[in-house]
Amino acid sequence: MTTWEYLTTPLLIHNTAAILNNWGKQGWELVQVIQGPEGGLVAYFKRPVTAEGSGNSGLAAAAEASRQFEGGAA
């Protein structure tokens, strides 16, 4: 049975393709884009957890996304 890990990240309208391509290169599959609670867009991603993965790589990826978003880089 496949086990999945999930990631959510805000999408900046002026940089949407770059953000989506960045996550895609890391193996994340876009599942859905919805309007967030504060009016911006939020992307939901998933990818299978591999045997080599610790199961917490999604947490590390989310932390990195948060650092990039807060720093204004994407």
N, C-alpha and C. Protein backbone atom coordinates (compact mmCIF):
# COMPACT_ATOMS: atom_id res chain seq x y z
N MET A 1 0.84 -1.17 0.00
CA MET A 1 0.00 0.00 0.00
C MET A 1 0.89 1.24 0.00
N THR A 2 0.52 2.22 -0.81
CA THR A 2 1.28 3.46 -0.88
C THR A 2 0.94 4.35 0.29
N THR A 3 1.96 4.89 0.93
CA THR A 3 1.80 5.85 1.99
C THR A 3 2.18 7.22 1.44
N TRP A 4 1.37 8.24 1.73
CA TRP A 4 1.57 9.57 1.17
C TRP A 4 2.00 10.56 2.24
N GLU A 5 2.76 11.57 1.81
CA GLU A 5 3.00 12.74 2.64
C GLU A 5 2.44 13.93 1.89
N TYR A 6 2.05 14.95 2.65
CA TYR A 6 1.34 16.08 2.07
C TYR A 6 2.02 17.39 2.44
N LEU A 7 1.79 18.39 1.59
CA LEU A 7 2.39 19.71 1.78
C LEU A 7 1.40 20.76 1.31
N THR A 8 1.27 21.85 2.04
CA THR A 8 0.52 23.01 1.57
C THR A 8 1.46 24.19 1.54
N THR A 9 1.26 25.06 0.56
CA THR A 9 2.09 26.26 0.45
C THR A 9 1.30 27.36 -0.22
N PRO A 10 1.55 28.62 0.19
CA PRO A 10 0.86 29.72 -0.49
C PRO A 10 1.42 29.91 -1.90
N LEU A 11 0.58 30.36 -2.81
CA LEU A 11 1.01 30.66 -4.18
C LEU A 11 0.98 32.16 -4.38
N LEU A 12 2.09 32.71 -4.80
CA LEU A 12 2.16 34.12 -5.12
C LEU A 12 1.78 34.28 -6.59
N ILE A 13 0.79 35.07 -6.86
CA ILE A 13 0.25 35.20 -8.21
C ILE A 13 1.33 35.54 -9.23
N HIS A 14 2.26 36.39 -8.88
CA HIS A 14 3.29 36.82 -9.83
C HIS A 14 4.38 35.77 -10.05
N ASN A 15 4.36 34.68 -9.30
CA ASN A 15 5.43 33.69 -9.38
C ASN A 15 4.89 32.26 -9.33
N THR A 16 3.67 32.06 -9.75
CA THR A 16 3.00 30.77 -9.61
C THR A 16 3.73 29.64 -10.32
N ALA A 17 4.11 29.83 -11.58
CA ALA A 17 4.76 28.75 -12.34
C ALA A 17 6.07 28.33 -11.69
N ALA A 18 6.86 29.29 -11.24
CA ALA A 18 8.14 28.96 -10.60
C ALA A 18 7.93 28.17 -9.32
N ILE A 19 6.94 28.54 -8.55
CA ILE A 19 6.65 27.83 -7.30
C ILE A 19 6.22 26.40 -7.59
N LEU A 20 5.29 26.24 -8.53
CA LEU A 20 4.80 24.89 -8.87
C LEU A 20 5.92 24.04 -9.46
N ASN A 21 6.74 24.60 -10.34
CA ASN A 21 7.86 23.85 -10.92
C ASN A 21 8.88 23.45 -9.86
N ASN A 22 9.12 24.32 -8.90
CA ASN A 22 10.07 23.99 -7.83
C ASN A 22 9.61 22.77 -7.05
N TRP A 23 8.34 22.73 -6.67
CA TRP A 23 7.83 21.57 -5.92
C TRP A 23 7.77 20.34 -6.79
N GLY A 24 7.42 20.50 -8.07
CA GLY A 24 7.38 19.36 -8.99
C GLY A 24 8.74 18.71 -9.15
N LYS A 25 9.81 19.51 -9.20
CA LYS A 25 11.17 18.97 -9.32
C LYS A 25 11.55 18.14 -8.10
N GLN A 26 10.91 18.43 -6.98
CA GLN A 26 11.19 17.70 -5.75
C GLN A 26 10.27 16.49 -5.57
N GLY A 27 9.49 16.19 -6.61
CA GLY A 27 8.64 15.00 -6.58
C GLY A 27 7.23 15.21 -6.06
N TRP A 28 6.85 16.46 -5.81
CA TRP A 28 5.51 16.74 -5.30
C TRP A 28 4.53 16.87 -6.46
N GLU A 29 3.36 16.26 -6.31
CA GLU A 29 2.29 16.32 -7.30
C GLU A 29 1.21 17.28 -6.81
N LEU A 30 0.86 18.25 -7.65
CA LEU A 30 -0.19 19.20 -7.30
C LEU A 30 -1.53 18.47 -7.25
N VAL A 31 -2.24 18.62 -6.14
CA VAL A 31 -3.54 17.98 -5.98
C VAL A 31 -4.66 19.00 -6.20
N GLN A 32 -4.48 20.19 -5.64
CA GLN A 32 -5.56 21.17 -5.68
C GLN A 32 -5.02 22.55 -5.35
N VAL A 33 -5.65 23.58 -5.89
CA VAL A 33 -5.39 24.96 -5.51
C VAL A 33 -6.72 25.56 -5.08
N ILE A 34 -6.74 26.15 -3.88
CA ILE A 34 -7.97 26.77 -3.39
C ILE A 34 -7.64 28.15 -2.83
N GLN A 35 -8.68 28.93 -2.63
CA GLN A 35 -8.50 30.23 -1.99
C GLN A 35 -8.32 30.01 -0.50
N GLY A 36 -7.28 30.62 0.05
CA GLY A 36 -7.00 30.48 1.47
C GLY A 36 -7.90 31.35 2.32
N PRO A 37 -7.82 31.21 3.62
CA PRO A 37 -8.70 31.94 4.53
C PRO A 37 -8.49 33.45 4.49
N GLU A 38 -7.30 33.87 4.06
CA GLU A 38 -7.02 35.31 4.01
C GLU A 38 -7.10 35.84 2.57
N GLY A 39 -7.65 35.05 1.66
CA GLY A 39 -7.88 35.51 0.31
C GLY A 39 -6.84 35.10 -0.72
N GLY A 40 -5.67 34.67 -0.32
CA GLY A 40 -4.64 34.23 -1.26
C GLY A 40 -4.90 32.80 -1.71
N LEU A 41 -4.08 32.35 -2.65
CA LEU A 41 -4.20 30.97 -3.13
C LEU A 41 -3.29 30.05 -2.33
N VAL A 42 -3.77 28.84 -2.08
CA VAL A 42 -3.00 27.83 -1.36
C VAL A 42 -2.96 26.58 -2.23
N ALA A 43 -1.75 26.04 -2.43
CA ALA A 43 -1.58 24.82 -3.22
C ALA A 43 -1.42 23.63 -2.28
N TYR A 44 -2.07 22.52 -2.63
CA TYR A 44 -1.96 21.28 -1.88
C TYR A 44 -1.22 20.26 -2.76
N PHE A 45 -0.18 19.65 -2.21
CA PHE A 45 0.65 18.69 -2.92
C PHE A 45 0.67 17.37 -2.16
N LYS A 46 1.03 16.30 -2.89
CA LYS A 46 1.27 15.00 -2.26
C LYS A 46 2.40 14.31 -3.00
N ARG A 47 3.05 13.38 -2.31
CA ARG A 47 4.03 12.50 -2.93
C ARG A 47 4.14 11.24 -2.09
N PRO A 48 4.50 10.13 -2.75
CA PRO A 48 4.63 8.88 -1.99
C PRO A 48 5.83 8.94 -1.05
N VAL A 49 5.67 8.33 0.09
CA VAL A 49 6.79 8.20 1.03
C VAL A 49 7.60 7.00 0.58
N THR A 50 8.89 7.20 0.39
CA THR A 50 9.75 6.11 -0.05
C THR A 50 10.37 5.41 1.15
N ALA A 51 10.92 4.22 0.90
CA ALA A 51 11.57 3.46 1.97
C ALA A 51 12.74 4.23 2.55
N GLU A 52 13.43 5.01 1.70
CA GLU A 52 14.58 5.79 2.16
C GLU A 52 14.13 7.01 2.96
N GLY A 53 12.89 7.49 2.69
CA GLY A 53 12.39 8.68 3.36
C GLY A 53 12.13 8.42 4.82
N SER A 54 12.29 9.45 5.61
CA SER A 54 12.10 9.30 7.04
C SER A 54 10.64 9.42 7.43
N GLY A 55 9.78 9.80 6.47
CA GLY A 55 8.40 10.04 6.82
C GLY A 55 8.19 11.46 7.32
N ASN A 56 9.28 12.15 7.63
CA ASN A 56 9.18 13.53 8.09
C ASN A 56 9.73 14.51 7.07
N SER A 57 10.03 14.02 5.86
CA SER A 57 10.58 14.93 4.85
C SER A 57 9.56 15.99 4.47
N GLY A 58 8.28 15.67 4.55
CA GLY A 58 7.25 16.66 4.28
C GLY A 58 7.31 17.81 5.28
N LEU A 59 7.62 17.49 6.52
CA LEU A 59 7.76 18.53 7.53
C LEU A 59 8.94 19.43 7.22
N ALA A 60 10.04 18.85 6.78
CA ALA A 60 11.22 19.64 6.40
C ALA A 60 10.91 20.51 5.20
N ALA A 61 10.19 19.97 4.22
CA ALA A 61 9.82 20.73 3.03
C ALA A 61 8.89 21.88 3.40
N ALA A 62 7.96 21.64 4.29
CA ALA A 62 7.04 22.69 4.72
C ALA A 62 7.79 23.79 5.46
N ALA A 63 8.74 23.41 6.28
CA ALA A 63 9.54 24.40 7.00
C ALA A 63 10.34 25.25 6.02
N GLU A 64 10.91 24.63 4.99
CA GLU A 64 11.66 25.36 3.98
C GLU A 64 10.74 26.31 3.22
N ALA A 65 9.54 25.85 2.87
CA ALA A 65 8.57 26.71 2.17
C ALA A 65 8.21 27.91 3.02
N SER A 66 8.03 27.67 4.31
CA SER A 66 7.70 28.76 5.21
C SER A 66 8.82 29.79 5.28
N ARG A 67 10.06 29.32 5.35
CA ARG A 67 11.22 30.23 5.37
C ARG A 67 11.28 31.03 4.08
N GLN A 68 11.06 30.39 2.94
CA GLN A 68 11.10 31.07 1.65
C GLN A 68 9.98 32.11 1.58
N PHE A 69 8.79 31.76 2.02
CA PHE A 69 7.65 32.66 1.94
C PHE A 69 7.85 33.86 2.84
N GLU A 70 8.29 33.63 4.06
CA GLU A 70 8.49 34.72 5.02
C GLU A 70 9.62 35.64 4.59
N GLY A 71 10.62 35.06 3.90
CA GLY A 71 11.74 35.86 3.44
C GLY A 71 11.48 36.55 2.12
N GLY A 72 10.33 36.28 1.50
CA GLY A 72 9.99 36.91 0.24
C GLY A 72 10.55 36.21 -0.97
N ALA A 73 11.32 35.14 -0.78
CA ALA A 73 11.88 34.38 -1.92
C ALA A 73 10.98 33.20 -2.20
N ALA A 74 10.94 32.85 -3.48
CA ALA A 74 10.15 31.67 -3.81
C ALA A 74 10.82 30.90 -4.90
